[in-house]
PDB file of all heavy atoms in Angstrom:
ATOM      1  N   ASP A   1     -35.652 -91.596  59.723  1.00  0.00           N
ATOM      2  CA  ASP A   1     -35.946 -91.322  58.274  1.00  0.00           C
ATOM      3  C   ASP A   1     -35.593 -89.936  58.053  1.00  0.00           C
ATOM      4  O   ASP A   1     -36.224 -89.207  57.097  1.00  0.00           O
ATOM      5  CB  ASP A   1     -37.299 -91.710  57.861  1.00  0.00           C
ATOM      6  CG  ASP A   1     -38.445 -90.995  58.691  1.00  0.00           C
ATOM      7  OD1 ASP A   1     -37.981 -90.425  59.728  1.00  0.00           O
ATOM      8  OD2 ASP A   1     -39.584 -90.873  58.242  1.00  0.00           O
ATOM      9  N   TYR A   2     -34.786 -89.187  58.721  1.00  0.00           N
ATOM     10  CA  TYR A   2     -34.524 -87.665  58.551  1.00  0.00           C
ATOM     11  C   TYR A   2     -33.943 -87.376  57.208  1.00  0.00           C
ATOM     12  O   TYR A   2     -34.202 -86.376  56.640  1.00  0.00           O
ATOM     13  CB  TYR A   2     -33.545 -87.246  59.624  1.00  0.00           C
ATOM     14  CG  TYR A   2     -32.194 -87.695  59.548  1.00  0.00           C
ATOM     15  CD1 TYR A   2     -31.243 -86.944  58.750  1.00  0.00           C
ATOM     16  CD2 TYR A   2     -31.603 -88.760  60.119  1.00  0.00           C
ATOM     17  CE1 TYR A   2     -29.847 -87.354  58.813  1.00  0.00           C
ATOM     18  CE2 TYR A   2     -30.345 -89.164  60.101  1.00  0.00           C
ATOM     19  CZ  TYR A   2     -29.390 -88.475  59.458  1.00  0.00           C
ATOM     20  OH  TYR A   2     -28.248 -88.772  59.408  1.00  0.00           O
ATOM     21  N   MET A   3     -33.360 -88.464  56.542  1.00  0.00           N
ATOM     22  CA  MET A   3     -32.907 -88.195  55.098  1.00  0.00           C
ATOM     23  C   MET A   3     -34.073 -88.187  54.210  1.00  0.00           C
ATOM     24  O   MET A   3     -33.862 -87.781  52.993  1.00  0.00           O
ATOM     25  CB  MET A   3     -31.892 -89.348  54.794  1.00  0.00           C
ATOM     26  CG  MET A   3     -30.666 -89.282  55.436  1.00  0.00           C
ATOM     27  SD  MET A   3     -29.632 -88.111  54.666  1.00  0.00           S
ATOM     28  CE  MET A   3     -28.041 -88.697  54.986  1.00  0.00           C
ATOM     29  N   GLY A   4     -35.241 -88.643  54.527  1.00  0.00           N
ATOM     30  CA  GLY A   4     -36.419 -88.570  53.688  1.00  0.00           C
ATOM     31  C   GLY A   4     -36.977 -87.171  53.542  1.00  0.00           C
ATOM     32  O   GLY A   4     -37.767 -86.997  52.621  1.00  0.00           O
ATOM     33  N   ASP A   5     -36.721 -86.247  54.474  1.00  0.00           N
ATOM     34  CA  ASP A   5     -37.335 -85.018  54.360  1.00  0.00           C
ATOM     35  C   ASP A   5     -36.413 -84.109  53.284  1.00  0.00           C
ATOM     36  O   ASP A   5     -35.259 -83.968  53.527  1.00  0.00           O
ATOM     37  CB  ASP A   5     -37.192 -84.221  55.672  1.00  0.00           C
ATOM     38  CG  ASP A   5     -37.734 -82.913  55.636  1.00  0.00           C
ATOM     39  OD1 ASP A   5     -38.872 -82.750  55.503  1.00  0.00           O
ATOM     40  OD2 ASP A   5     -37.008 -81.970  55.850  1.00  0.00           O
ATOM     41  N   PRO A   6     -37.097 -83.535  52.331  1.00  0.00           N
ATOM     42  CA  PRO A   6     -36.370 -82.804  51.241  1.00  0.00           C
ATOM     43  C   PRO A   6     -35.506 -81.760  51.880  1.00  0.00           C
ATOM     44  O   PRO A   6     -34.334 -81.641  51.415  1.00  0.00           O
ATOM     45  CB  PRO A   6     -37.429 -82.334  50.285  1.00  0.00           C
ATOM     46  CG  PRO A   6     -38.577 -83.229  50.528  1.00  0.00           C
ATOM     47  CD  PRO A   6     -38.587 -83.595  51.994  1.00  0.00           C
ATOM     48  N   ARG A   7     -35.987 -80.959  52.763  1.00  0.00           N
ATOM     49  CA  ARG A   7     -35.309 -79.788  53.405  1.00  0.00           C
ATOM     50  C   ARG A   7     -34.074 -80.343  54.099  1.00  0.00           C
ATOM     51  O   ARG A   7     -32.846 -79.786  53.799  1.00  0.00           O
ATOM     52  CB  ARG A   7     -36.190 -79.004  54.320  1.00  0.00           C
ATOM     53  CG  ARG A   7     -35.529 -77.818  54.895  1.00  0.00           C
ATOM     54  CD  ARG A   7     -36.483 -76.931  55.769  1.00  0.00           C
ATOM     55  NE  ARG A   7     -36.001 -75.787  56.297  1.00  0.00           N
ATOM     56  CZ  ARG A   7     -35.225 -75.643  57.419  1.00  0.00           C
ATOM     57  NH1 ARG A   7     -35.124 -76.716  58.107  1.00  0.00           N
ATOM     58  NH2 ARG A   7     -34.728 -74.532  57.802  1.00  0.00           N
ATOM     59  N   THR A   8     -34.141 -81.331  54.923  1.00  0.00           N
ATOM     60  CA  THR A   8     -33.049 -81.911  55.679  1.00  0.00           C
ATOM     61  C   THR A   8     -32.071 -82.606  54.707  1.00  0.00           C
ATOM     62  O   THR A   8     -30.807 -82.441  54.848  1.00  0.00           O
ATOM     63  CB  THR A   8     -33.596 -82.841  56.677  1.00  0.00           C
ATOM     64  OG1 THR A   8     -34.608 -82.205  57.515  1.00  0.00           O
ATOM     65  CG2 THR A   8     -32.465 -83.487  57.462  1.00  0.00           C
ATOM     66  N   PHE A   9     -32.474 -83.219  53.703  1.00  0.00           N
ATOM     67  CA  PHE A   9     -31.739 -84.050  52.818  1.00  0.00           C
ATOM     68  C   PHE A   9     -30.830 -83.054  51.967  1.00  0.00           C
ATOM     69  O   PHE A   9     -29.672 -83.232  51.765  1.00  0.00           O
ATOM     70  CB  PHE A   9     -32.512 -84.852  51.927  1.00  0.00           C
ATOM     71  CG  PHE A   9     -31.688 -85.736  51.055  1.00  0.00           C
ATOM     72  CD1 PHE A   9     -30.736 -86.699  51.577  1.00  0.00           C
ATOM     73  CD2 PHE A   9     -31.771 -85.739  49.723  1.00  0.00           C
ATOM     74  CE1 PHE A   9     -29.938 -87.594  50.815  1.00  0.00           C
ATOM     75  CE2 PHE A   9     -30.930 -86.543  48.851  1.00  0.00           C
ATOM     76  CZ  PHE A   9     -30.035 -87.375  49.435  1.00  0.00           C
ATOM     77  N   ASN A  10     -31.438 -81.951  51.587  1.00  0.00           N
ATOM     78  CA  ASN A  10     -30.576 -80.911  50.706  1.00  0.00           C
ATOM     79  C   ASN A  10     -29.609 -80.353  51.638  1.00  0.00           C
ATOM     80  O   ASN A  10     -28.428 -80.085  51.140  1.00  0.00           O
ATOM     81  CB  ASN A  10     -31.604 -79.800  50.252  1.00  0.00           C
ATOM     82  CG  ASN A  10     -32.476 -80.289  48.937  1.00  0.00           C
ATOM     83  OD1 ASN A  10     -32.031 -81.078  48.273  1.00  0.00           O
ATOM     84  ND2 ASN A  10     -33.649 -79.741  48.836  1.00  0.00           N
ATOM     85  N   ALA A  11     -29.881 -80.075  52.876  1.00  0.00           N
ATOM     86  CA  ALA A  11     -28.874 -79.593  53.752  1.00  0.00           C
ATOM     87  C   ALA A  11     -27.735 -80.456  53.956  1.00  0.00           C
ATOM     88  O   ALA A  11     -26.509 -80.129  54.126  1.00  0.00           O
ATOM     89  CB  ALA A  11     -29.528 -79.219  55.084  1.00  0.00           C
ATOM     90  N   TYR A  12     -28.062 -81.741  54.069  1.00  0.00           N
ATOM     91  CA  TYR A  12     -27.063 -82.860  54.318  1.00  0.00           C
ATOM     92  C   TYR A  12     -26.115 -82.843  52.967  1.00  0.00           C
ATOM     93  O   TYR A  12     -25.004 -82.947  53.103  1.00  0.00           O
ATOM     94  CB  TYR A  12     -27.761 -84.204  54.397  1.00  0.00           C
ATOM     95  CG  TYR A  12     -26.714 -85.263  54.794  1.00  0.00           C
ATOM     96  CD1 TYR A  12     -26.264 -85.502  56.125  1.00  0.00           C
ATOM     97  CD2 TYR A  12     -26.075 -86.072  53.769  1.00  0.00           C
ATOM     98  CE1 TYR A  12     -25.384 -86.442  56.359  1.00  0.00           C
ATOM     99  CE2 TYR A  12     -25.130 -86.994  53.934  1.00  0.00           C
ATOM    100  CZ  TYR A  12     -24.846 -87.216  55.368  1.00  0.00           C
ATOM    101  OH  TYR A  12     -23.890 -88.165  55.644  1.00  0.00           O
ATOM    102  N   LEU A  13     -26.757 -82.911  51.724  1.00  0.00           N
ATOM    103  CA  LEU A  13     -26.023 -82.866  50.563  1.00  0.00           C
ATOM    104  C   LEU A  13     -25.028 -81.704  50.328  1.00  0.00           C
ATOM    105  O   LEU A  13     -23.903 -81.880  49.976  1.00  0.00           O
ATOM    106  CB  LEU A  13     -26.951 -82.979  49.393  1.00  0.00           C
ATOM    107  CG  LEU A  13     -27.702 -84.266  49.143  1.00  0.00           C
ATOM    108  CD1 LEU A  13     -28.450 -84.267  47.761  1.00  0.00           C
ATOM    109  CD2 LEU A  13     -26.860 -85.471  49.062  1.00  0.00           C
ATOM    110  N   ARG A  14     -25.499 -80.602  50.803  1.00  0.00           N
ATOM    111  CA  ARG A  14     -24.766 -79.276  50.499  1.00  0.00           C
ATOM    112  C   ARG A  14     -23.667 -79.089  51.528  1.00  0.00           C
ATOM    113  O   ARG A  14     -22.690 -78.309  51.252  1.00  0.00           O
ATOM    114  CB  ARG A  14     -25.678 -78.147  50.470  1.00  0.00           C
ATOM    115  CG  ARG A  14     -26.649 -78.110  49.284  1.00  0.00           C
ATOM    116  CD  ARG A  14     -25.962 -77.761  48.156  1.00  0.00           C
ATOM    117  NE  ARG A  14     -26.804 -78.156  46.781  1.00  0.00           N
ATOM    118  CZ  ARG A  14     -26.533 -77.733  45.598  1.00  0.00           C
ATOM    119  NH1 ARG A  14     -25.526 -76.861  45.425  1.00  0.00           N
ATOM    120  NH2 ARG A  14     -27.233 -78.196  44.638  1.00  0.00           N
ATOM    121  N   PHE A  15     -23.709 -79.693  52.725  1.00  0.00           N
ATOM    122  CA  PHE A  15     -22.761 -79.408  53.725  1.00  0.00           C
ATOM    123  C   PHE A  15     -22.198 -80.484  54.406  1.00  0.00           C
ATOM    124  O   PHE A  15     -21.018 -80.636  54.322  1.00  0.00           O
ATOM    125  CB  PHE A  15     -23.581 -78.569  54.792  1.00  0.00           C
ATOM    126  CG  PHE A  15     -22.698 -77.892  55.834  1.00  0.00           C
ATOM    127  CD1 PHE A  15     -21.968 -76.860  55.595  1.00  0.00           C
ATOM    128  CD2 PHE A  15     -22.466 -78.552  57.170  1.00  0.00           C
ATOM    129  CE1 PHE A  15     -20.993 -76.186  56.581  1.00  0.00           C
ATOM    130  CE2 PHE A  15     -21.574 -78.012  58.097  1.00  0.00           C
ATOM    131  CZ  PHE A  15     -20.875 -76.871  57.740  1.00  0.00           C
ATOM    132  N   PHE A  16     -22.968 -81.442  54.911  1.00  0.00           N
ATOM    133  CA  PHE A  16     -22.284 -82.525  55.610  1.00  0.00           C
ATOM    134  C   PHE A  16     -21.620 -83.634  54.707  1.00  0.00           C
ATOM    135  O   PHE A  16     -20.695 -84.174  55.068  1.00  0.00           O
ATOM    136  CB  PHE A  16     -23.453 -83.267  56.550  1.00  0.00           C
ATOM    137  CG  PHE A  16     -24.018 -82.417  57.534  1.00  0.00           C
ATOM    138  CD1 PHE A  16     -25.109 -81.560  57.394  1.00  0.00           C
ATOM    139  CD2 PHE A  16     -23.346 -82.207  58.795  1.00  0.00           C
ATOM    140  CE1 PHE A  16     -25.456 -80.747  58.355  1.00  0.00           C
ATOM    141  CE2 PHE A  16     -23.884 -81.305  59.749  1.00  0.00           C
ATOM    142  CZ  PHE A  16     -24.874 -80.565  59.519  1.00  0.00           C
ATOM    143  N   LEU A  17     -22.266 -83.803  53.588  1.00  0.00           N
ATOM    144  CA  LEU A  17     -21.664 -84.792  52.568  1.00  0.00           C
ATOM    145  C   LEU A  17     -20.261 -84.211  52.080  1.00  0.00           C
ATOM    146  O   LEU A  17     -19.370 -84.990  52.139  1.00  0.00           O
ATOM    147  CB  LEU A  17     -22.591 -84.913  51.273  1.00  0.00           C
ATOM    148  CG  LEU A  17     -22.086 -85.591  50.050  1.00  0.00           C
ATOM    149  CD1 LEU A  17     -21.481 -87.008  50.361  1.00  0.00           C
ATOM    150  CD2 LEU A  17     -22.949 -85.711  49.049  1.00  0.00           C
ATOM    151  N   PRO A  18     -20.149 -82.847  51.730  1.00  0.00           N
ATOM    152  CA  PRO A  18     -18.824 -82.478  51.304  1.00  0.00           C
ATOM    153  C   PRO A  18     -17.858 -82.576  52.425  1.00  0.00           C
ATOM    154  O   PRO A  18     -16.644 -82.853  52.154  1.00  0.00           O
ATOM    155  CB  PRO A  18     -19.087 -81.000  50.888  1.00  0.00           C
ATOM    156  CG  PRO A  18     -20.479 -80.957  50.439  1.00  0.00           C
ATOM    157  CD  PRO A  18     -21.261 -81.817  51.443  1.00  0.00           C
ATOM    158  N   TRP A  19     -18.101 -82.153  53.797  1.00  0.00           N
ATOM    159  CA  TRP A  19     -17.179 -82.316  54.799  1.00  0.00           C
ATOM    160  C   TRP A  19     -16.840 -83.757  55.054  1.00  0.00           C
ATOM    161  O   TRP A  19     -15.691 -84.106  55.312  1.00  0.00           O
ATOM    162  CB  TRP A  19     -17.809 -81.704  56.012  1.00  0.00           C
ATOM    163  CG  TRP A  19     -17.673 -80.244  56.121  1.00  0.00           C
ATOM    164  CD1 TRP A  19     -18.654 -79.277  56.207  1.00  0.00           C
ATOM    165  CD2 TRP A  19     -16.461 -79.541  56.286  1.00  0.00           C
ATOM    166  NE1 TRP A  19     -18.142 -78.009  56.292  1.00  0.00           N
ATOM    167  CE2 TRP A  19     -16.743 -78.089  56.262  1.00  0.00           C
ATOM    168  CE3 TRP A  19     -15.065 -79.896  56.241  1.00  0.00           C
ATOM    169  CZ2 TRP A  19     -15.718 -77.135  56.413  1.00  0.00           C
ATOM    170  CZ3 TRP A  19     -14.198 -78.832  56.302  1.00  0.00           C
ATOM    171  CH2 TRP A  19     -14.471 -77.562  56.487  1.00  0.00           C
ATOM    172  N   ASN A  20     -17.788 -84.568  55.012  1.00  0.00           N
ATOM    173  CA  ASN A  20     -17.421 -86.131  55.017  1.00  0.00           C
ATOM    174  C   ASN A  20     -16.596 -86.545  53.923  1.00  0.00           C
ATOM    175  O   ASN A  20     -15.638 -87.333  54.172  1.00  0.00           O
ATOM    176  CB  ASN A  20     -18.706 -86.964  54.997  1.00  0.00           C
ATOM    177  CG  ASN A  20     -19.465 -86.866  56.381  1.00  0.00           C
ATOM    178  OD1 ASN A  20     -18.845 -86.701  57.424  1.00  0.00           O
ATOM    179  ND2 ASN A  20     -20.737 -87.042  56.310  1.00  0.00           N
ATOM    180  N   LEU A  21     -16.761 -86.077  52.704  1.00  0.00           N
ATOM    181  CA  LEU A  21     -15.819 -86.373  51.594  1.00  0.00           C
ATOM    182  C   LEU A  21     -14.342 -85.882  51.953  1.00  0.00           C
ATOM    183  O   LEU A  21     -13.395 -86.559  51.704  1.00  0.00           O
ATOM    184  CB  LEU A  21     -16.255 -85.816  50.272  1.00  0.00           C
ATOM    185  CG  LEU A  21     -17.588 -86.354  49.645  1.00  0.00           C
ATOM    186  CD1 LEU A  21     -17.849 -85.504  48.434  1.00  0.00           C
ATOM    187  CD2 LEU A  21     -17.155 -87.795  49.269  1.00  0.00           C
ATOM    188  N   TYR A  22     -14.358 -84.707  52.475  1.00  0.00           N
ATOM    189  CA  TYR A  22     -12.973 -84.133  52.800  1.00  0.00           C
ATOM    190  C   TYR A  22     -12.307 -85.051  53.871  1.00  0.00           C
ATOM    191  O   TYR A  22     -11.110 -85.357  53.792  1.00  0.00           O
ATOM    192  CB  TYR A  22     -13.123 -82.805  53.476  1.00  0.00           C
ATOM    193  CG  TYR A  22     -11.779 -82.122  53.860  1.00  0.00           C
ATOM    194  CD1 TYR A  22     -10.761 -81.911  52.913  1.00  0.00           C
ATOM    195  CD2 TYR A  22     -11.607 -81.898  55.238  1.00  0.00           C
ATOM    196  CE1 TYR A  22      -9.633 -81.351  53.472  1.00  0.00           C
ATOM    197  CE2 TYR A  22     -10.433 -81.263  55.585  1.00  0.00           C
ATOM    198  CZ  TYR A  22      -9.392 -81.101  54.840  1.00  0.00           C
ATOM    199  OH  TYR A  22      -8.121 -80.535  55.190  1.00  0.00           O
ATOM    200  N   ARG A  23     -13.019 -85.425  54.950  1.00  0.00           N
ATOM    201  CA  ARG A  23     -12.564 -86.255  56.083  1.00  0.00           C
ATOM    202  C   ARG A  23     -12.105 -87.605  55.421  1.00  0.00           C
ATOM    203  O   ARG A  23     -10.960 -88.125  55.788  1.00  0.00           O
ATOM    204  CB  ARG A  23     -13.557 -86.470  57.151  1.00  0.00           C
ATOM    205  CG  ARG A  23     -13.951 -85.264  57.996  1.00  0.00           C
ATOM    206  CD  ARG A  23     -15.176 -85.509  58.764  1.00  0.00           C
ATOM    207  NE  ARG A  23     -15.038 -86.536  59.872  1.00  0.00           N
ATOM    208  CZ  ARG A  23     -15.799 -87.562  59.939  1.00  0.00           C
ATOM    209  NH1 ARG A  23     -16.736 -87.714  58.983  1.00  0.00           N
ATOM    210  NH2 ARG A  23     -15.695 -88.464  60.806  1.00  0.00           N
ATOM    211  N   LEU A  24     -12.984 -88.220  54.711  1.00  0.00           N
ATOM    212  CA  LEU A  24     -12.703 -89.611  54.166  1.00  0.00           C
ATOM    213  C   LEU A  24     -11.509 -89.587  53.214  1.00  0.00           C
ATOM    214  O   LEU A  24     -10.675 -90.555  53.283  1.00  0.00           O
ATOM    215  CB  LEU A  24     -13.998 -90.313  53.491  1.00  0.00           C
ATOM    216  CG  LEU A  24     -14.999 -90.493  54.547  1.00  0.00           C
ATOM    217  CD1 LEU A  24     -16.177 -91.207  53.739  1.00  0.00           C
ATOM    218  CD2 LEU A  24     -14.673 -91.274  55.643  1.00  0.00           C
ATOM    219  N   THR A  25     -11.462 -88.561  52.308  1.00  0.00           N
ATOM    220  CA  THR A  25     -10.449 -88.602  51.268  1.00  0.00           C
ATOM    221  C   THR A  25      -8.988 -88.279  52.036  1.00  0.00           C
ATOM    222  O   THR A  25      -7.994 -88.928  51.634  1.00  0.00           O
ATOM    223  CB  THR A  25     -10.536 -87.550  50.302  1.00  0.00           C
ATOM    224  OG1 THR A  25     -10.814 -86.223  50.902  1.00  0.00           O
ATOM    225  CG2 THR A  25     -11.749 -87.824  49.388  1.00  0.00           C
ATOM    226  N   ARG A  26      -8.970 -87.626  53.159  1.00  0.00           N
ATOM    227  CA  ARG A  26      -7.699 -87.442  53.881  1.00  0.00           C
ATOM    228  C   ARG A  26      -7.307 -88.735  54.467  1.00  0.00           C
ATOM    229  O   ARG A  26      -6.098 -89.152  54.602  1.00  0.00           O
ATOM    230  CB  ARG A  26      -7.901 -86.366  55.005  1.00  0.00           C
ATOM    231  CG  ARG A  26      -8.035 -84.857  54.563  1.00  0.00           C
ATOM    232  CD  ARG A  26      -6.673 -84.514  54.119  1.00  0.00           C
ATOM    233  NE  ARG A  26      -5.650 -84.372  55.091  1.00  0.00           N
ATOM    234  CZ  ARG A  26      -5.206 -83.397  55.888  1.00  0.00           C
ATOM    235  NH1 ARG A  26      -5.939 -82.172  55.762  1.00  0.00           N
ATOM    236  NH2 ARG A  26      -4.252 -83.451  56.767  1.00  0.00           N
ATOM    237  N   LEU A  27      -8.270 -89.556  54.952  1.00  0.00           N
ATOM    238  CA  LEU A  27      -7.936 -90.841  55.586  1.00  0.00           C
ATOM    239  C   LEU A  27      -7.579 -91.869  54.488  1.00  0.00           C
ATOM    240  O   LEU A  27      -6.621 -92.615  54.641  1.00  0.00           O
ATOM    241  CB  LEU A  27      -9.025 -91.414  56.385  1.00  0.00           C
ATOM    242  CG  LEU A  27      -8.940 -92.872  56.952  1.00  0.00           C
ATOM    243  CD1 LEU A  27      -7.682 -92.800  57.966  1.00  0.00           C
ATOM    244  CD2 LEU A  27     -10.177 -93.243  57.725  1.00  0.00           C
ATOM    245  N   PHE A  28      -8.411 -91.943  53.332  1.00  0.00           N
ATOM    246  CA  PHE A  28      -8.164 -92.951  52.244  1.00  0.00           C
ATOM    247  C   PHE A  28      -6.872 -92.766  51.722  1.00  0.00           C
ATOM    248  O   PHE A  28      -6.243 -93.775  51.290  1.00  0.00           O
ATOM    249  CB  PHE A  28      -9.343 -92.852  51.367  1.00  0.00           C
ATOM    250  CG  PHE A  28     -10.661 -93.413  51.883  1.00  0.00           C
ATOM    251  CD1 PHE A  28     -11.752 -93.199  51.015  1.00  0.00           C
ATOM    252  CD2 PHE A  28     -10.754 -93.819  53.048  1.00  0.00           C
ATOM    253  CE1 PHE A  28     -12.992 -93.643  51.509  1.00  0.00           C
ATOM    254  CE2 PHE A  28     -12.084 -94.471  53.519  1.00  0.00           C
ATOM    255  CZ  PHE A  28     -13.169 -94.313  52.808  1.00  0.00           C
ATOM    256  N   GLN A  29      -6.311 -91.528  51.524  1.00  0.00           N
ATOM    257  CA  GLN A  29      -5.065 -91.291  50.867  1.00  0.00           C
ATOM    258  C   GLN A  29      -3.941 -91.973  51.616  1.00  0.00           C
ATOM    259  O   GLN A  29      -2.983 -92.393  51.001  1.00  0.00           O
ATOM    260  CB  GLN A  29      -4.669 -89.762  50.840  1.00  0.00           C
ATOM    261  CG  GLN A  29      -5.423 -89.187  49.664  1.00  0.00           C
ATOM    262  CD  GLN A  29      -4.896 -87.722  49.548  1.00  0.00           C
ATOM    263  OE1 GLN A  29      -4.652 -87.288  48.370  1.00  0.00           O
ATOM    264  NE2 GLN A  29      -4.760 -86.917  50.656  1.00  0.00           N
ATOM    265  N   GLY A  30      -4.101 -92.228  52.959  1.00  0.00           N
ATOM    266  CA  GLY A  30      -3.020 -92.804  53.800  1.00  0.00           C
ATOM    267  C   GLY A  30      -3.152 -94.286  53.967  1.00  0.00           C
ATOM    268  O   GLY A  30      -2.402 -95.022  54.648  1.00  0.00           O
TER     269      GLY A  30
END
């Protein structure tokens, strides 16, 4: 449930989510 902690979840949204969007959009385009 690490996503349930506000501090951890905000870190995920601000950093790991955007990097995942970059990875996925590079793949999805092809």
